[in-house]
Amino acid sequence: MKNIAISALMVLALVSCKNDKKESTEVKTAETTDVVVKDDMKVASIKKLTISLEPKSGSKATGTVNVSEKNGNVVFEAKISGLDPGMHAIHFHEKADCSSDDGKSTGGHWNPTFENHGKWGAETGYHKGDIGNFKVGADGTGTITMITDEWCIGCGDDKKDILGKAVIVHQGEDDFTSQPSGAAGSRVSCGGVLK
């Protein structure tokens, strides 16, 4: 009788732990991790962030964005599937709020320096959120990689810090000239960069 009671308690504990893990992974869309690496007696901090993209505007577009920062450089790598073949725009938007069905709860492009919209690195100006375009193949999948020292992860600098922003994938291509957002069409996928 005592063994049956102990076994029942163990089963309840396992089920409870399993349910707790399920809830936490469904709620959490982004996570930062600090890793310390020793290299030639120097200690470097590497910050990592993973953002899950969810469909918006009736699309099937999902994906994952991995962002890492080391020695002042940020590497942005996105892989998105469920898109129409062709060119698509991807940007950082002002707020990490993907609650609306059309993705508009994220606000406009992240533009802390109040520049005109444009192609990243253009002399005529660009938003800090103007990542650019990427090509999607016949299988509906596309990738984009970018490296910059103009962003940071959790540094607290309002003009560089991507925490609290959202990644938005658009239905179409950014023309880099139309103001304020490049006429890239509907917001078809969204992921919030949590604080």
Protein backbone atom coordinates (compact mmCIF):
# COMPACT_ATOMS: atom_id res chain seq x y z
CA MET A 1 0.00 0.00 0.00
CA LYS A 2 2.85 2.37 0.88
CA ASN A 3 4.61 1.56 -2.43
CA ILE A 4 1.43 2.31 -4.40
CA ALA A 5 1.06 5.72 -2.72
CA ILE A 6 4.72 6.60 -3.43
CA SER A 7 4.36 5.50 -7.08
CA ALA A 8 1.22 7.60 -7.49
CA LEU A 9 3.01 10.67 -6.09
CA MET A 10 5.94 10.13 -8.49
CA VAL A 11 3.58 9.90 -11.49
CA LEU A 12 1.79 13.10 -10.41
CA ALA A 13 5.13 14.89 -10.03
CA LEU A 14 6.27 13.79 -13.50
CA VAL A 15 2.99 14.85 -15.12
CA SER A 16 3.13 18.19 -13.32
CA CYS A 17 6.71 18.84 -14.49
CA LYS A 18 5.84 17.86 -18.04
CA ASN A 19 2.87 20.26 -18.12
CA ASP A 20 4.98 23.10 -16.64
CA LYS A 21 7.59 22.70 -19.39
CA LYS A 22 4.94 22.72 -22.11
CA GLU A 23 3.42 25.97 -20.85
CA SER A 24 6.77 27.76 -20.58
CA THR A 25 7.84 26.88 -24.13
CA GLU A 26 4.52 28.01 -25.61
CA VAL A 27 4.68 31.40 -23.88
CA LYS A 28 8.38 32.14 -24.39
CA THR A 29 9.23 33.38 -27.91
CA ALA A 30 12.66 34.84 -27.27
CA GLU A 31 15.48 34.15 -24.89
CA THR A 32 18.84 35.77 -24.26
CA THR A 33 21.82 33.84 -23.02
CA ASP A 34 25.18 35.16 -21.92
CA VAL A 35 28.08 32.83 -22.59
CA VAL A 36 31.61 33.55 -21.39
CA VAL A 37 34.42 32.34 -23.66
CA LYS A 38 38.11 32.34 -22.75
CA ASP A 39 40.36 33.01 -25.73
CA ASP A 40 44.05 33.85 -25.25
CA MET A 41 43.36 34.94 -21.66
CA LYS A 42 40.64 37.39 -22.79
CA VAL A 43 37.08 36.88 -21.64
CA ALA A 44 34.42 37.76 -24.23
CA SER A 45 30.70 37.86 -23.57
CA ILE A 46 28.51 36.37 -26.29
CA LYS A 47 24.82 37.26 -26.19
CA LYS A 48 22.38 35.05 -28.06
CA LEU A 49 18.74 35.55 -28.89
CA THR A 50 16.26 33.25 -30.65
CA ILE A 51 13.02 34.69 -32.03
CA SER A 52 10.13 32.56 -33.27
CA LEU A 53 8.15 34.05 -36.16
CA GLU A 54 4.41 33.39 -36.34
CA PRO A 55 2.00 33.83 -39.29
CA LYS A 56 0.07 37.08 -39.71
CA SER A 57 -2.45 38.46 -42.22
CA GLY A 58 -3.77 34.99 -43.07
CA SER A 59 -0.38 33.70 -44.23
CA LYS A 60 1.43 30.46 -43.39
CA ALA A 61 4.82 32.18 -42.93
CA THR A 62 6.79 30.92 -39.94
CA GLY A 63 10.45 30.89 -39.10
CA THR A 64 13.28 31.43 -36.69
CA VAL A 65 15.65 34.35 -36.26
CA ASN A 66 18.94 33.82 -34.44
CA VAL A 67 20.79 36.91 -33.27
CA SER A 68 24.16 36.91 -31.51
CA GLU A 69 26.49 39.63 -30.31
CA LYS A 70 30.22 39.31 -29.73
CA ASN A 71 32.86 42.05 -29.46
CA GLY A 72 30.39 44.76 -30.51
CA ASN A 73 29.18 43.01 -33.68
CA VAL A 74 25.67 41.60 -34.07
CA VAL A 75 24.97 38.69 -36.42
CA PHE A 76 21.35 38.39 -37.61
CA GLU A 77 20.31 35.12 -39.30
CA ALA A 78 16.72 34.41 -40.34
CA LYS A 79 15.13 31.39 -42.01
CA ILE A 80 11.50 31.73 -43.03
CA SER A 81 9.18 29.23 -44.72
CA GLY A 82 5.61 29.28 -46.01
CA LEU A 83 6.17 32.31 -48.25
CA ASP A 84 5.39 32.88 -51.93
CA PRO A 85 8.47 32.56 -54.19
CA GLY A 86 10.21 35.86 -54.96
CA MET A 87 11.61 38.75 -52.95
CA HIS A 88 10.36 39.66 -49.47
CA ALA A 89 11.27 42.46 -47.07
CA ILE A 90 12.25 42.00 -43.43
CA HIS A 91 12.51 44.80 -40.86
CA PHE A 92 12.73 45.56 -37.16
CA HIS A 93 9.58 47.37 -35.99
CA GLU A 94 9.11 49.61 -32.94
CA LYS A 95 7.30 47.32 -30.48
CA ALA A 96 7.60 43.63 -29.57
CA ASP A 97 3.82 43.27 -29.75
CA CYS A 98 2.65 40.65 -32.26
CA SER A 99 -0.87 40.44 -30.79
CA SER A 100 -2.82 41.80 -33.78
CA ASP A 101 -3.81 39.52 -36.67
CA ASP A 102 -2.22 41.88 -39.21
CA GLY A 103 1.01 42.55 -37.27
CA LYS A 104 0.31 46.27 -37.07
CA SER A 105 0.48 46.19 -33.26
CA THR A 106 4.28 46.37 -33.74
CA GLY A 107 4.07 49.98 -34.95
CA GLY A 108 6.25 51.39 -37.72
CA HIS A 109 9.86 50.64 -38.59
CA TRP A 110 12.30 51.06 -35.73
CA ASN A 111 13.82 54.47 -36.49
CA PRO A 112 15.48 55.93 -33.38
CA THR A 113 17.66 58.32 -35.44
CA PHE A 114 14.67 59.81 -37.37
CA GLU A 115 16.13 59.11 -40.82
CA ASN A 116 14.25 58.54 -44.08
CA HIS A 117 13.51 54.95 -45.03
CA GLY A 118 16.14 53.49 -47.35
CA LYS A 119 18.57 50.70 -48.11
CA TRP A 120 20.86 49.72 -45.24
CA GLY A 121 24.09 51.75 -45.43
CA ALA A 122 22.79 54.28 -47.98
CA GLU A 123 24.26 57.78 -47.75
CA THR A 124 20.75 59.23 -48.10
CA GLY A 125 19.77 57.60 -44.80
CA TYR A 126 17.99 54.50 -43.53
CA HIS A 127 16.13 53.28 -40.48
CA LYS A 128 17.95 51.14 -37.92
CA GLY A 129 15.20 48.61 -38.64
CA ASP A 130 15.75 48.56 -42.42
CA ILE A 131 17.25 45.08 -42.73
CA GLY A 132 16.43 44.57 -46.42
CA ASN A 133 15.12 41.97 -48.88
CA PHE A 134 15.72 38.24 -49.20
CA LYS A 135 14.91 35.73 -51.92
CA VAL A 136 12.42 32.92 -51.42
CA GLY A 137 12.75 29.83 -53.59
CA ALA A 138 10.12 27.59 -55.18
CA ASP A 139 9.90 25.61 -51.92
CA GLY A 140 8.65 28.73 -50.07
CA THR A 141 11.80 29.05 -47.95
CA GLY A 142 14.24 31.95 -47.74
CA THR A 143 17.18 33.03 -45.59
CA ILE A 144 18.97 36.25 -44.83
CA THR A 145 22.15 36.99 -42.85
CA MET A 146 23.41 40.40 -41.76
CA ILE A 147 26.32 41.58 -39.59
CA THR A 148 26.43 45.06 -38.07
CA ASP A 149 27.89 47.10 -35.23
CA GLU A 150 24.86 49.44 -35.34
CA TRP A 151 22.76 47.13 -33.12
CA CYS A 152 23.24 45.61 -29.69
CA ILE A 153 21.41 43.11 -27.50
CA GLY A 154 20.43 44.57 -24.14
CA CYS A 155 23.03 47.37 -24.01
CA GLY A 156 20.43 49.99 -23.01
CA ASP A 157 21.34 52.41 -25.84
CA ASP A 158 17.99 53.55 -27.35
CA LYS A 159 19.65 54.05 -30.75
CA LYS A 160 21.14 50.52 -30.89
CA ASP A 161 19.30 48.12 -28.59
CA ILE A 162 17.02 45.64 -30.42
CA LEU A 163 15.34 44.37 -27.23
CA GLY A 164 11.70 45.39 -27.13
CA LYS A 165 11.43 45.47 -30.95
CA ALA A 166 9.74 43.05 -33.39
CA VAL A 167 10.92 41.30 -36.52
CA ILE A 168 8.39 41.63 -39.35
CA VAL A 169 8.44 39.77 -42.67
CA HIS A 170 6.46 41.44 -45.46
CA GLN A 171 4.44 39.99 -48.33
CA GLY A 172 6.47 41.88 -50.95
CA GLU A 173 9.77 43.51 -51.73
CA ASP A 174 11.07 46.72 -50.18
CA ASP A 175 11.65 49.35 -52.92
CA PHE A 176 13.99 51.30 -50.57
CA THR A 177 12.50 54.65 -51.66
CA SER A 178 8.78 54.83 -50.73
CA GLN A 179 8.27 56.60 -47.42
CA PRO A 180 7.95 55.68 -44.66
CA SER A 181 8.28 51.92 -45.18
CA GLY A 182 9.30 50.88 -48.70
CA ALA A 183 5.85 49.77 -49.96
CA ALA A 184 6.60 46.16 -49.00
CA GLY A 185 2.98 45.09 -48.50
CA SER A 186 1.23 43.17 -45.73
CA ARG A 187 2.98 41.96 -42.61
CA VAL A 188 2.92 38.17 -43.03
CA SER A 189 5.09 37.02 -40.11
CA CYS A 190 6.00 38.49 -36.72
CA GLY A 191 8.27 37.75 -33.78
CA GLY A 192 8.75 39.91 -30.70
CA VAL A 193 12.23 40.52 -29.28
CA LEU A 194 11.37 40.29 -25.59
CA LYS A 195 13.09 42.29 -22.86
